Amino acid sequence: MQGDTQAQVPLTVRAFTQLYSSTPRGARLARRLVANRMDVWGFPYGSEVSESVTLVVAELAANAVRHGRVRGRGFRVRLVLGDGVVRVEVADGRTDRLPVLQEPSDGDGGRGLLLVAALAERWGVDPRPGGAYKVVWAEVRTQRTGG
């Protein structure tokens, strides 16, 4: 029986999820494990994609520790490798403090989301129903477009 079927290219989706303590040590560990995961997925240490994803995770994890910490709760990092993009998600327990992109002040800090916005194709924040937590996410391209 011959039909009008087209061969479909399989879409490979890979995911990595890890819970960390809401401490500076937890944020450092998140950065290191994400760099390792990117290497396992074929984006070697030091490559542009690996460096971009790792820096996005570092900034969002630092924000989760600094601004999203809830006593007794950690933060979660989730990576999803899809077709041409790595989606980074960092969930923390504070829904009353949503990240806002703004010009940095003269002091330390305030530049993290500017870096995320520069490295990511797009980013945003999703407070979850019931106010239990929020997810800050960013999507980093793994392939160049154009030519």
C-alpha atoms as a PDB file:
ATOM      1  CA  MET A   1       0.000   0.000   0.000  1.00  0.00           C
ATOM      2  CA  GLN A   2       1.508   3.252  -1.092  1.00  0.00           C
ATOM      3  CA  GLY A   3       0.380   6.427   0.536  1.00  0.00           C
ATOM      4  CA  ASP A   4       1.237  10.043   0.264  1.00  0.00           C
ATOM      5  CA  THR A   5       3.467  10.007   3.317  1.00  0.00           C
ATOM      6  CA  GLN A   6       6.553  12.082   3.803  1.00  0.00           C
ATOM      7  CA  ALA A   7       9.524  10.975   5.780  1.00  0.00           C
ATOM      8  CA  GLN A   8       9.650  12.900   8.999  1.00  0.00           C
ATOM      9  CA  VAL A   9      12.900  13.945  10.537  1.00  0.00           C
ATOM     10  CA  PRO A  10      12.896  12.918  14.194  1.00  0.00           C
ATOM     11  CA  LEU A  11      13.097  15.795  16.632  1.00  0.00           C
ATOM     12  CA  THR A  12      15.442  15.083  19.488  1.00  0.00           C
ATOM     13  CA  VAL A  13      14.645  16.841  22.714  1.00  0.00           C
ATOM     14  CA  ARG A  14      16.961  16.479  25.650  1.00  0.00           C
ATOM     15  CA  ALA A  15      16.276  17.734  29.148  1.00  0.00           C
ATOM     16  CA  PHE A  16      18.302  18.229  32.312  1.00  0.00           C
ATOM     17  CA  THR A  17      16.781  19.233  35.656  1.00  0.00           C
ATOM     18  CA  GLN A  18      18.523  19.720  38.991  1.00  0.00           C
ATOM     19  CA  LEU A  19      17.561  21.237  42.337  1.00  0.00           C
ATOM     20  CA  TYR A  20      20.170  23.379  44.155  1.00  0.00           C
ATOM     21  CA  SER A  21      20.434  25.026  47.546  1.00  0.00           C
ATOM     22  CA  SER A  22      19.644  28.752  47.537  1.00  0.00           C
ATOM     23  CA  THR A  23      23.209  29.698  48.386  1.00  0.00           C
ATOM     24  CA  PRO A  24      26.147  31.144  46.443  1.00  0.00           C
ATOM     25  CA  ARG A  25      27.617  27.633  46.472  1.00  0.00           C
ATOM     26  CA  GLY A  26      24.410  26.293  44.887  1.00  0.00           C
ATOM     27  CA  ALA A  27      24.628  28.937  42.145  1.00  0.00           C
ATOM     28  CA  ARG A  28      28.276  28.024  41.431  1.00  0.00           C
ATOM     29  CA  LEU A  29      27.397  24.328  41.296  1.00  0.00           C
ATOM     30  CA  ALA A  30      24.544  25.052  38.869  1.00  0.00           C
ATOM     31  CA  ARG A  31      26.928  26.887  36.546  1.00  0.00           C
ATOM     32  CA  ARG A  32      29.462  24.046  36.642  1.00  0.00           C
ATOM     33  CA  LEU A  33      26.925  21.261  36.084  1.00  0.00           C
ATOM     34  CA  VAL A  34      25.303  23.146  33.210  1.00  0.00           C
ATOM     35  CA  ALA A  35      28.702  23.600  31.520  1.00  0.00           C
ATOM     36  CA  ASN A  36      29.233  19.849  31.888  1.00  0.00           C
ATOM     37  CA  ARG A  37      25.766  19.069  30.495  1.00  0.00           C
ATOM     38  CA  MET A  38      26.377  21.291  27.483  1.00  0.00           C
ATOM     39  CA  ASP A  39      29.625  19.401  26.836  1.00  0.00           C
ATOM     40  CA  VAL A  40      27.787  16.062  27.071  1.00  0.00           C
ATOM     41  CA  TRP A  41      25.233  17.363  24.568  1.00  0.00           C
ATOM     42  CA  GLY A  42      27.999  18.194  22.087  1.00  0.00           C
ATOM     43  CA  PHE A  43      28.700  21.855  22.867  1.00  0.00           C
ATOM     44  CA  PRO A  44      32.302  21.745  24.153  1.00  0.00           C
ATOM     45  CA  TYR A  45      33.575  23.792  27.062  1.00  0.00           C
ATOM     46  CA  GLY A  46      34.555  27.221  25.765  1.00  0.00           C
ATOM     47  CA  SER A  47      32.324  27.074  22.685  1.00  0.00           C
ATOM     48  CA  GLU A  48      30.098  30.080  22.055  1.00  0.00           C
ATOM     49  CA  VAL A  49      26.877  28.179  22.773  1.00  0.00           C
ATOM     50  CA  SER A  50      28.225  26.585  25.944  1.00  0.00           C
ATOM     51  CA  GLU A  51      29.568  29.885  27.232  1.00  0.00           C
ATOM     52  CA  SER A  52      26.294  31.700  26.467  1.00  0.00           C
ATOM     53  CA  VAL A  53      24.076  29.097  28.147  1.00  0.00           C
ATOM     54  CA  THR A  54      26.406  28.829  31.137  1.00  0.00           C
ATOM     55  CA  LEU A  55      26.481  32.604  31.600  1.00  0.00           C
ATOM     56  CA  VAL A  56      22.679  32.831  31.356  1.00  0.00           C
ATOM     57  CA  VAL A  57      22.363  30.107  34.007  1.00  0.00           C
ATOM     58  CA  ALA A  58      24.950  31.832  36.201  1.00  0.00           C
ATOM     59  CA  GLU A  59      23.050  35.128  36.094  1.00  0.00           C
ATOM     60  CA  LEU A  60      19.610  33.611  36.634  1.00  0.00           C
ATOM     61  CA  ALA A  61      20.880  31.343  39.426  1.00  0.00           C
ATOM     62  CA  ALA A  62      22.568  34.303  41.142  1.00  0.00           C
ATOM     63  CA  ASN A  63      19.271  36.208  40.929  1.00  0.00           C
ATOM     64  CA  ALA A  64      17.400  33.225  42.361  1.00  0.00           C
ATOM     65  CA  VAL A  65      19.786  33.153  45.320  1.00  0.00           C
ATOM     66  CA  ARG A  66      19.907  36.918  45.810  1.00  0.00           C
ATOM     67  CA  HIS A  67      16.294  37.894  45.129  1.00  0.00           C
ATOM     68  CA  GLY A  68      14.245  34.684  45.048  1.00  0.00           C
ATOM     69  CA  ARG A  69      15.356  32.907  48.153  1.00  0.00           C
ATOM     70  CA  VAL A  70      12.734  31.453  50.481  1.00  0.00           C
ATOM     71  CA  ARG A  71      13.953  29.923  53.715  1.00  0.00           C
ATOM     72  CA  GLY A  72      14.142  26.154  53.467  1.00  0.00           C
ATOM     73  CA  ARG A  73      13.620  26.038  49.703  1.00  0.00           C
ATOM     74  CA  GLY A  74      16.090  25.691  46.899  1.00  0.00           C
ATOM     75  CA  PHE A  75      15.970  26.750  43.275  1.00  0.00           C
ATOM     76  CA  ARG A  76      15.642  24.526  40.240  1.00  0.00           C
ATOM     77  CA  VAL A  77      17.491  24.729  36.927  1.00  0.00           C
ATOM     78  CA  ARG A  78      16.036  23.043  33.878  1.00  0.00           C
ATOM     79  CA  LEU A  79      17.614  22.910  30.424  1.00  0.00           C
ATOM     80  CA  VAL A  80      15.741  21.736  27.375  1.00  0.00           C
ATOM     81  CA  LEU A  81      17.680  21.224  24.152  1.00  0.00           C
ATOM     82  CA  GLY A  82      15.331  21.417  21.212  1.00  0.00           C
ATOM     83  CA  ASP A  83      15.602  22.186  17.541  1.00  0.00           C
ATOM     84  CA  GLY A  84      18.130  25.027  17.328  1.00  0.00           C
ATOM     85  CA  VAL A  85      17.640  26.357  20.855  1.00  0.00           C
ATOM     86  CA  VAL A  86      18.449  25.653  24.480  1.00  0.00           C
ATOM     87  CA  ARG A  87      15.727  26.787  26.850  1.00  0.00           C
ATOM     88  CA  VAL A  88      17.016  27.674  30.310  1.00  0.00           C
ATOM     89  CA  GLU A  89      14.517  27.774  33.165  1.00  0.00           C
ATOM     90  CA  VAL A  90      15.329  28.801  36.730  1.00  0.00           C
ATOM     91  CA  ALA A  91      12.534  28.427  39.273  1.00  0.00           C
ATOM     92  CA  ASP A  92      12.558  29.997  42.734  1.00  0.00           C
ATOM     93  CA  GLY A  93      10.063  30.499  45.531  1.00  0.00           C
ATOM     94  CA  ARG A  94       9.536  34.274  45.405  1.00  0.00           C
ATOM     95  CA  THR A  95       6.612  35.427  43.311  1.00  0.00           C
ATOM     96  CA  ASP A  96       6.492  38.884  44.864  1.00  0.00           C
ATOM     97  CA  ARG A  97       9.801  39.843  43.247  1.00  0.00           C
ATOM     98  CA  LEU A  98       9.648  39.588  39.477  1.00  0.00           C
ATOM     99  CA  PRO A  99      12.760  40.468  37.464  1.00  0.00           C
ATOM    100  CA  VAL A 100      12.674  43.695  35.503  1.00  0.00           C
ATOM    101  CA  LEU A 101      15.162  44.753  32.857  1.00  0.00           C
ATOM    102  CA  GLN A 102      16.566  48.152  33.836  1.00  0.00           C
ATOM    103  CA  GLU A 103      19.655  50.264  33.398  1.00  0.00           C
ATOM    104  CA  PRO A 104      22.321  49.375  35.952  1.00  0.00           C
ATOM    105  CA  SER A 105      23.137  51.746  38.767  1.00  0.00           C
ATOM    106  CA  ASP A 106      26.629  52.972  39.569  1.00  0.00           C
ATOM    107  CA  GLY A 107      26.991  50.318  42.284  1.00  0.00           C
ATOM    108  CA  ASP A 108      27.549  46.619  41.980  1.00  0.00           C
ATOM    109  CA  GLY A 109      24.820  44.549  40.406  1.00  0.00           C
ATOM    110  CA  GLY A 110      21.984  45.290  38.053  1.00  0.00           C
ATOM    111  CA  ARG A 111      23.701  44.021  34.927  1.00  0.00           C
ATOM    112  CA  GLY A 112      22.660  40.369  35.004  1.00  0.00           C
ATOM    113  CA  LEU A 113      19.422  40.686  33.081  1.00  0.00           C
ATOM    114  CA  LEU A 114      21.107  42.946  30.531  1.00  0.00           C
ATOM    115  CA  LEU A 115      23.551  40.098  29.862  1.00  0.00           C
ATOM    116  CA  VAL A 116      20.713  37.589  29.663  1.00  0.00           C
ATOM    117  CA  ALA A 117      18.832  39.813  27.209  1.00  0.00           C
ATOM    118  CA  ALA A 118      21.984  40.217  25.084  1.00  0.00           C
ATOM    119  CA  LEU A 119      22.760  36.483  24.954  1.00  0.00           C
ATOM    120  CA  ALA A 120      19.243  35.095  24.628  1.00  0.00           C
ATOM    121  CA  GLU A 121      16.975  35.092  21.619  1.00  0.00           C
ATOM    122  CA  ARG A 122      14.188  35.914  24.071  1.00  0.00           C
ATOM    123  CA  TRP A 123      13.514  35.703  27.801  1.00  0.00           C
ATOM    124  CA  GLY A 124      10.704  36.177  30.269  1.00  0.00           C
ATOM    125  CA  VAL A 125       9.187  35.303  33.610  1.00  0.00           C
ATOM    126  CA  ASP A 126       6.197  33.104  34.377  1.00  0.00           C
ATOM    127  CA  PRO A 127       4.658  33.273  37.855  1.00  0.00           C
ATOM    128  CA  ARG A 128       2.975  29.935  38.505  1.00  0.00           C
ATOM    129  CA  PRO A 129      -0.678  29.639  39.486  1.00  0.00           C
ATOM    130  CA  GLY A 130      -1.228  29.699  43.205  1.00  0.00           C
ATOM    131  CA  GLY A 131       1.849  31.849  43.799  1.00  0.00           C
ATOM    132  CA  ALA A 132       4.049  28.944  44.863  1.00  0.00           C
ATOM    133  CA  TYR A 133       6.994  29.882  42.627  1.00  0.00           C
ATOM    134  CA  LYS A 134       8.073  31.633  39.453  1.00  0.00           C
ATOM    135  CA  VAL A 135      10.135  30.521  36.470  1.00  0.00           C
ATOM    136  CA  VAL A 136      12.556  32.898  34.780  1.00  0.00           C
ATOM    137  CA  TRP A 137      13.450  31.543  31.357  1.00  0.00           C
ATOM    138  CA  ALA A 138      15.671  32.350  28.416  1.00  0.00           C
ATOM    139  CA  GLU A 139      16.188  30.770  25.024  1.00  0.00           C
ATOM    140  CA  VAL A 140      19.690  30.634  23.565  1.00  0.00           C
ATOM    141  CA  ARG A 141      20.161  29.756  19.888  1.00  0.00           C
ATOM    142  CA  THR A 142      22.431  26.835  19.097  1.00  0.00           C
ATOM    143  CA  GLN A 143      22.601  27.573  15.365  1.00  0.00           C
ATOM    144  CA  ARG A 144      23.421  30.723  13.485  1.00  0.00           C
ATOM    145  CA  THR A 145      20.760  32.049  11.159  1.00  0.00           C
ATOM    146  CA  GLY A 146      21.509  33.818   7.921  1.00  0.00           C
ATOM    147  CA  GLY A 147      24.695  33.930   6.273  1.00  0.00           C
END
